[in-house]
Amino acid sequence: MKIVITPLIKNKGGNLTDINNYRAIALSNVDTKILERMLLANTKESAFHGDKYQFDFKAGHSTTLSTGVVKSY
């Protein structure tokens, strides 16, 4: 499995020498994409039935919810 990481410019009108103006994207082959889909399906299932304080990678949840939990203590 091989992944090629390529820089992508965020703001073409911005400073092209600034490292913060780039984000990395991973270009992968079909085998890797199939494996990622399988892992994603397993991760979503376990996150749905997992810890009640799991807010990330869960549909309908966000870090805003976790902030509310922290503030309630």
PDB file of N, CA and C in Angstrom:
ATOM      1  N   MET A   1       0.848  -1.175   0.000  1.00  0.00           N
ATOM      2  CA  MET A   1       0.000   0.000   0.000  1.00  0.00           C
ATOM      3  C   MET A   1       0.892   1.236   0.000  1.00  0.00           C
ATOM      4  N   LYS A   2       0.600   2.114  -0.921  1.00  0.00           N
ATOM      5  CA  LYS A   2       1.411   3.312  -1.059  1.00  0.00           C
ATOM      6  C   LYS A   2       0.513   4.532  -1.055  1.00  0.00           C
ATOM      7  N   ILE A   3       0.904   5.531  -0.276  1.00  0.00           N
ATOM      8  CA  ILE A   3       0.177   6.790  -0.218  1.00  0.00           C
ATOM      9  C   ILE A   3       1.149   7.909  -0.577  1.00  0.00           C
ATOM     10  N   VAL A   4       0.718   8.785  -1.456  1.00  0.00           N
ATOM     11  CA  VAL A   4       1.521   9.945  -1.829  1.00  0.00           C
ATOM     12  C   VAL A   4       0.882  11.161  -1.189  1.00  0.00           C
ATOM     13  N   ILE A   5       1.654  11.875  -0.376  1.00  0.00           N
ATOM     14  CA  ILE A   5       1.146  13.080   0.284  1.00  0.00           C
ATOM     15  C   ILE A   5       1.558  14.284  -0.551  1.00  0.00           C
ATOM     16  N   THR A   6       0.558  15.086  -0.927  1.00  0.00           N
ATOM     17  CA  THR A   6       0.770  16.235  -1.803  1.00  0.00           C
ATOM     18  C   THR A   6       0.295  17.499  -1.104  1.00  0.00           C
ATOM     19  N   PRO A   7       1.100  18.571  -1.142  1.00  0.00           N
ATOM     20  CA  PRO A   7       0.633  19.830  -0.556  1.00  0.00           C
ATOM     21  C   PRO A   7      -0.386  20.510  -1.454  1.00  0.00           C
ATOM     22  N   LEU A   8      -1.394  21.103  -0.843  1.00  0.00           N
ATOM     23  CA  LEU A   8      -2.438  21.817  -1.572  1.00  0.00           C
ATOM     24  C   LEU A   8      -2.553  23.219  -0.977  1.00  0.00           C
ATOM     25  N   ILE A   9      -2.561  24.231  -1.840  1.00  0.00           N
ATOM     26  CA  ILE A   9      -2.626  25.624  -1.382  1.00  0.00           C
ATOM     27  C   ILE A   9      -4.030  25.919  -0.859  1.00  0.00           C
ATOM     28  N   LYS A  10      -4.092  26.526   0.333  1.00  0.00           N
ATOM     29  CA  LYS A  10      -5.380  26.913   0.918  1.00  0.00           C
ATOM     30  C   LYS A  10      -5.894  28.200   0.280  1.00  0.00           C
ATOM     31  N   ASN A  11      -5.056  29.216   0.228  1.00  0.00           N
ATOM     32  CA  ASN A  11      -5.450  30.532  -0.270  1.00  0.00           C
ATOM     33  C   ASN A  11      -4.467  30.932  -1.370  1.00  0.00           C
ATOM     34  N   LYS A  12      -4.897  30.855  -2.632  1.00  0.00           N
ATOM     35  CA  LYS A  12      -3.999  31.156  -3.759  1.00  0.00           C
ATOM     36  C   LYS A  12      -3.575  32.620  -3.784  1.00  0.00           C
ATOM     37  N   GLY A  13      -4.354  33.487  -3.179  1.00  0.00           N
ATOM     38  CA  GLY A  13      -3.997  34.901  -3.122  1.00  0.00           C
ATOM     39  C   GLY A  13      -3.100  35.225  -1.939  1.00  0.00           C
ATOM     40  N   GLY A  14      -2.886  34.249  -1.068  1.00  0.00           N
ATOM     41  CA  GLY A  14      -2.075  34.452   0.126  1.00  0.00           C
ATOM     42  C   GLY A  14      -0.592  34.282  -0.143  1.00  0.00           C
ATOM     43  N   ASN A  15       0.173  34.271   0.908  1.00  0.00           N
ATOM     44  CA  ASN A  15       1.621  34.124   0.824  1.00  0.00           C
ATOM     45  C   ASN A  15       1.966  32.669   0.505  1.00  0.00           C
ATOM     46  N   LEU A  16       2.517  32.432  -0.670  1.00  0.00           N
ATOM     47  CA  LEU A  16       2.837  31.072  -1.094  1.00  0.00           C
ATOM     48  C   LEU A  16       4.074  30.503  -0.400  1.00  0.00           C
ATOM     49  N   THR A  17       4.848  31.348   0.288  1.00  0.00           N
ATOM     50  CA  THR A  17       6.010  30.857   1.021  1.00  0.00           C
ATOM     51  C   THR A  17       5.672  30.503   2.470  1.00  0.00           C
ATOM     52  N   ASP A  18       4.454  30.819   2.904  1.00  0.00           N
ATOM     53  CA  ASP A  18       4.013  30.525   4.272  1.00  0.00           C
ATOM     54  C   ASP A  18       3.548  29.070   4.359  1.00  0.00           C
ATOM     55  N   ILE A  19       4.151  28.291   5.235  1.00  0.00           N
ATOM     56  CA  ILE A  19       3.806  26.870   5.370  1.00  0.00           C
ATOM     57  C   ILE A  19       2.380  26.672   5.862  1.00  0.00           C
ATOM     58  N   ASN A  20       1.820  27.645   6.577  1.00  0.00           N
ATOM     59  CA  ASN A  20       0.454  27.542   7.078  1.00  0.00           C
ATOM     60  C   ASN A  20      -0.593  27.756   5.981  1.00  0.00           C
ATOM     61  N   ASN A  21      -0.155  28.138   4.779  1.00  0.00           N
ATOM     62  CA  ASN A  21      -1.055  28.345   3.654  1.00  0.00           C
ATOM     63  C   ASN A  21      -1.231  27.049   2.851  1.00  0.00           C
ATOM     64  N   TYR A  22      -0.732  25.951   3.361  1.00  0.00           N
ATOM     65  CA  TYR A  22      -0.830  24.667   2.679  1.00  0.00           C
ATOM     66  C   TYR A  22      -1.484  23.638   3.586  1.00  0.00           C
ATOM     67  N   ARG A  23      -2.159  22.680   2.968  1.00  0.00           N
ATOM     68  CA  ARG A  23      -2.654  21.522   3.705  1.00  0.00           C
ATOM     69  C   ARG A  23      -2.259  20.293   2.918  1.00  0.00           C
ATOM     70  N   ALA A  24      -2.077  19.201   3.609  1.00  0.00           N
ATOM     71  CA  ALA A  24      -1.637  17.968   2.960  1.00  0.00           C
ATOM     72  C   ALA A  24      -2.846  17.123   2.571  1.00  0.00           C
ATOM     73  N   ILE A  25      -2.791  16.560   1.386  1.00  0.00           N
ATOM     74  CA  ILE A  25      -3.802  15.589   0.982  1.00  0.00           C
ATOM     75  C   ILE A  25      -3.074  14.294   0.657  1.00  0.00           C
ATOM     76  N   ALA A  26      -3.717  13.189   0.958  1.00  0.00           N
ATOM     77  CA  ALA A  26      -3.115  11.878   0.716  1.00  0.00           C
ATOM     78  C   ALA A  26      -3.789  11.235  -0.487  1.00  0.00           C
ATOM     79  N   LEU A  27      -2.992  10.881  -1.461  1.00  0.00           N
ATOM     80  CA  LEU A  27      -3.481  10.180  -2.645  1.00  0.00           C
ATOM     81  C   LEU A  27      -3.124   8.710  -2.469  1.00  0.00           C
ATOM     82  N   SER A  28      -4.139   7.860  -2.412  1.00  0.00           N
ATOM     83  CA  SER A  28      -3.877   6.451  -2.152  1.00  0.00           C
ATOM     84  C   SER A  28      -4.450   5.571  -3.260  1.00  0.00           C
ATOM     85  N   ASN A  29      -3.980   4.338  -3.285  1.00  0.00           N
ATOM     86  CA  ASN A  29      -4.449   3.406  -4.304  1.00  0.00           C
ATOM     87  C   ASN A  29      -5.760   2.756  -3.866  1.00  0.00           C
ATOM     88  N   VAL A  30      -6.353   1.955  -4.729  1.00  0.00           N
ATOM     89  CA  VAL A  30      -7.656   1.344  -4.478  1.00  0.00           C
ATOM     90  C   VAL A  30      -7.619   0.416  -3.263  1.00  0.00           C
ATOM     91  N   ASP A  31      -6.552  -0.355  -3.108  1.00  0.00           N
ATOM     92  CA  ASP A  31      -6.449  -1.279  -1.968  1.00  0.00           C
ATOM     93  C   ASP A  31      -6.520  -0.531  -0.640  1.00  0.00           C
ATOM     94  N   THR A  32      -5.824   0.575  -0.571  1.00  0.00           N
ATOM     95  CA  THR A  32      -5.821   1.370   0.653  1.00  0.00           C
ATOM     96  C   THR A  32      -7.205   1.960   0.912  1.00  0.00           C
ATOM     97  N   LYS A  33      -7.870   2.425  -0.128  1.00  0.00           N
ATOM     98  CA  LYS A  33      -9.207   3.007   0.039  1.00  0.00           C
ATOM     99  C   LYS A  33     -10.209   1.968   0.535  1.00  0.00           C
ATOM    100  N   ILE A  34     -10.108   0.740   0.042  1.00  0.00           N
ATOM    101  CA  ILE A  34     -10.996  -0.330   0.509  1.00  0.00           C
ATOM    102  C   ILE A  34     -10.744  -0.612   1.982  1.00  0.00           C
ATOM    103  N   LEU A  35      -9.473  -0.703   2.373  1.00  0.00           N
ATOM    104  CA  LEU A  35      -9.126  -0.934   3.777  1.00  0.00           C
ATOM    105  C   LEU A  35      -9.634   0.207   4.657  1.00  0.00           C
ATOM    106  N   GLU A  36      -9.474   1.451   4.197  1.00  0.00           N
ATOM    107  CA  GLU A  36      -9.961   2.599   4.964  1.00  0.00           C
ATOM    108  C   GLU A  36     -11.475   2.546   5.156  1.00  0.00           C
ATOM    109  N   ARG A  37     -12.206   2.162   4.124  1.00  0.00           N
ATOM    110  CA  ARG A  37     -13.675   2.037   4.227  1.00  0.00           C
ATOM    111  C   ARG A  37     -14.068   0.979   5.250  1.00  0.00           C
ATOM    112  N   MET A  38     -13.348  -0.140   5.250  1.00  0.00           N
ATOM    113  CA  MET A  38     -13.647  -1.206   6.209  1.00  0.00           C
ATOM    114  C   MET A  38     -13.367  -0.736   7.634  1.00  0.00           C
ATOM    115  N   LEU A  39     -12.244  -0.060   7.832  1.00  0.00           N
ATOM    116  CA  LEU A  39     -11.905   0.450   9.165  1.00  0.00           C
ATOM    117  C   LEU A  39     -12.900   1.519   9.610  1.00  0.00           C
ATOM    118  N   LEU A  40     -13.323   2.356   8.686  1.00  0.00           N
ATOM    119  CA  LEU A  40     -14.292   3.396   9.020  1.00  0.00           C
ATOM    120  C   LEU A  40     -15.613   2.791   9.463  1.00  0.00           C
ATOM    121  N   ALA A  41     -16.050   1.749   8.771  1.00  0.00           N
ATOM    122  CA  ALA A  41     -17.313   1.099   9.150  1.00  0.00           C
ATOM    123  C   ALA A  41     -17.217   0.522  10.554  1.00  0.00           C
ATOM    124  N   ASN A  42     -16.098  -0.114  10.890  1.00  0.00           N
ATOM    125  CA  ASN A  42     -15.917  -0.680  12.236  1.00  0.00           C
ATOM    126  C   ASN A  42     -15.804   0.412  13.290  1.00  0.00           C
ATOM    127  N   THR A  43     -15.124   1.498  12.955  1.00  0.00           N
ATOM    128  CA  THR A  43     -14.953   2.595  13.908  1.00  0.00           C
ATOM    129  C   THR A  43     -16.283   3.269  14.208  1.00  0.00           C
ATOM    130  N   LYS A  44     -17.081   3.514  13.180  1.00  0.00           N
ATOM    131  CA  LYS A  44     -18.384   4.147  13.395  1.00  0.00           C
ATOM    132  C   LYS A  44     -19.276   3.290  14.282  1.00  0.00           C
ATOM    133  N   GLU A  45     -19.268   1.987  14.040  1.00  0.00           N
ATOM    134  CA  GLU A  45     -20.114   1.079  14.818  1.00  0.00           C
ATOM    135  C   GLU A  45     -19.690   1.066  16.283  1.00  0.00           C
ATOM    136  N   SER A  46     -18.395   0.969  16.552  1.00  0.00           N
ATOM    137  CA  SER A  46     -17.935   0.922  17.940  1.00  0.00           C
ATOM    138  C   SER A  46     -18.108   2.273  18.628  1.00  0.00           C
ATOM    139  N   ALA A  47     -17.966   3.367  17.889  1.00  0.00           N
ATOM    140  CA  ALA A  47     -18.157   4.697  18.481  1.00  0.00           C
ATOM    141  C   ALA A  47     -19.615   4.931  18.837  1.00  0.00           C
ATOM    142  N   PHE A  48     -20.527   4.397  18.045  1.00  0.00           N
ATOM    143  CA  PHE A  48     -21.949   4.577  18.315  1.00  0.00           C
ATOM    144  C   PHE A  48     -22.355   3.898  19.611  1.00  0.00           C
ATOM    145  N   HIS A  49     -21.805   2.726  19.882  1.00  0.00           N
ATOM    146  CA  HIS A  49     -22.148   1.976  21.087  1.00  0.00           C
ATOM    147  C   HIS A  49     -21.136   2.176  22.208  1.00  0.00           C
ATOM    148  N   GLY A  50     -20.159   3.036  22.012  1.00  0.00           N
ATOM    149  CA  GLY A  50     -19.073   3.207  22.966  1.00  0.00           C
ATOM    150  C   GLY A  50     -19.400   4.150  24.098  1.00  0.00           C
ATOM    151  N   ASP A  51     -18.396   4.823  24.557  1.00  0.00           N
ATOM    152  CA  ASP A  51     -18.448   5.731  25.696  1.00  0.00           C
ATOM    153  C   ASP A  51     -19.446   6.865  25.445  1.00  0.00           C
ATOM    154  N   LYS A  52     -20.223   7.217  26.464  1.00  0.00           N
ATOM    155  CA  LYS A  52     -21.207   8.287  26.302  1.00  0.00           C
ATOM    156  C   LYS A  52     -20.538   9.653  26.170  1.00  0.00           C
ATOM    157  N   TYR A  53     -19.253   9.752  26.521  1.00  0.00           N
ATOM    158  CA  TYR A  53     -18.519  10.998  26.387  1.00  0.00           C
ATOM    159  C   TYR A  53     -17.687  11.040  25.102  1.00  0.00           C
ATOM    160  N   GLN A  54     -17.945  10.133  24.187  1.00  0.00           N
ATOM    161  CA  GLN A  54     -17.280  10.144  22.881  1.00  0.00           C
ATOM    162  C   GLN A  54     -18.062  11.076  21.960  1.00  0.00           C
ATOM    163  N   PHE A  55     -17.477  12.203  21.598  1.00  0.00           N
ATOM    164  CA  PHE A  55     -18.168  13.187  20.778  1.00  0.00           C
ATOM    165  C   PHE A  55     -17.594  13.284  19.373  1.00  0.00           C
ATOM    166  N   ASP A  56     -16.360  12.901  19.194  1.00  0.00           N
ATOM    167  CA  ASP A  56     -15.705  13.026  17.903  1.00  0.00           C
ATOM    168  C   ASP A  56     -15.978  11.803  17.038  1.00  0.00           C
ATOM    169  N   PHE A  57     -16.017  11.956  15.748  1.00  0.00           N
ATOM    170  CA  PHE A  57     -16.247  10.879  14.774  1.00  0.00           C
ATOM    171  C   PHE A  57     -17.577  10.175  15.011  1.00  0.00           C
ATOM    172  N   LYS A  58     -18.572  10.916  15.441  1.00  0.00           N
ATOM    173  CA  LYS A  58     -19.874  10.349  15.726  1.00  0.00           C
ATOM    174  C   LYS A  58     -20.929  11.255  15.111  1.00  0.00           C
ATOM    175  N   ALA A  59     -21.795  10.706  14.284  1.00  0.00           N
ATOM    176  CA  ALA A  59     -22.792  11.512  13.591  1.00  0.00           C
ATOM    177  C   ALA A  59     -23.682  12.258  14.583  1.00  0.00           C
ATOM    178  N   GLY A  60     -23.894  13.532  14.332  1.00  0.00           N
ATOM    179  CA  GLY A  60     -24.759  14.340  15.181  1.00  0.00           C
ATOM    180  C   GLY A  60     -24.093  14.846  16.451  1.00  0.00           C
ATOM    181  N   HIS A  61     -22.798  14.638  16.585  1.00  0.00           N
ATOM    182  CA  HIS A  61     -22.070  15.087  17.769  1.00  0.00           C
ATOM    183  C   HIS A  61     -20.953  16.028  17.345  1.00  0.00           C
ATOM    184  N   SER A  62     -20.541  16.882  18.256  1.00  0.00           N
ATOM    185  CA  SER A  62     -19.463  17.809  17.961  1.00  0.00           C
ATOM    186  C   SER A  62     -18.717  18.148  19.238  1.00  0.00           C
ATOM    187  N   THR A  63     -17.624  18.881  19.077  1.00  0.00           N
ATOM    188  CA  THR A  63     -16.859  19.300  20.252  1.00  0.00           C
ATOM    189  C   THR A  63     -17.625  20.315  21.080  1.00  0.00           C
ATOM    190  N   THR A  64     -18.645  20.949  20.508  1.00  0.00           N
ATOM    191  CA  THR A  64     -19.485  21.868  21.276  1.00  0.00           C
ATOM    192  C   THR A  64     -20.203  21.114  22.393  1.00  0.00           C
ATOM    193  N   LEU A  65     -20.631  19.903  22.114  1.00  0.00           N
ATOM    194  CA  LEU A  65     -21.278  19.084  23.146  1.00  0.00           C
ATOM    195  C   LEU A  65     -20.318  18.772  24.286  1.00  0.00           C
ATOM    196  N   SER A  66     -19.055  18.486  23.951  1.00  0.00           N
ATOM    197  CA  SER A  66     -18.088  18.170  25.005  1.00  0.00           C
ATOM    198  C   SER A  66     -17.808  19.395  25.862  1.00  0.00           C
ATOM    199  N   THR A  67     -17.841  20.576  25.267  1.00  0.00           N
ATOM    200  CA  THR A  67     -17.651  21.801  26.042  1.00  0.00           C
ATOM    201  C   THR A  67     -18.765  21.955  27.061  1.00  0.00           C
ATOM    202  N   GLY A  68     -19.988  21.629  26.671  1.00  0.00           N
ATOM    203  CA  GLY A  68     -21.109  21.696  27.597  1.00  0.00           C
ATOM    204  C   GLY A  68     -20.937  20.737  28.762  1.00  0.00           C
ATOM    205  N   VAL A  69     -20.400  19.564  28.525  1.00  0.00           N
ATOM    206  CA  VAL A  69     -20.166  18.588  29.599  1.00  0.00           C
ATOM    207  C   VAL A  69     -19.121  19.115  30.566  1.00  0.00           C
ATOM    208  N   VAL A  70     -18.043  19.680  30.033  1.00  0.00           N
ATOM    209  CA  VAL A  70     -16.984  20.216  30.893  1.00  0.00           C
ATOM    210  C   VAL A  70     -17.508  21.364  31.742  1.00  0.00           C
ATOM    211  N   LYS A  71     -18.298  22.238  31.154  1.00  0.00           N
ATOM    212  CA  LYS A  71     -18.827  23.391  31.896  1.00  0.00           C
ATOM    213  C   LYS A  71     -19.843  22.977  32.956  1.00  0.00           C
ATOM    214  N   SER A  72     -20.488  21.819  32.777  1.00  0.00           N
ATOM    215  CA  SER A  72     -21.506  21.396  33.740  1.00  0.00           C
ATOM    216  C   SER A  72     -20.892  20.833  35.026  1.00  0.00           C
ATOM    217  N   TYR A  73     -19.591  20.540  35.007  1.00  0.00           N
ATOM    218  CA  TYR A  73     -18.944  20.002  36.220  1.00  0.00           C
ATOM    219  C   TYR A  73     -18.374  21.078  37.067  1.00  0.00           C
TER     220      TYR A  73
END
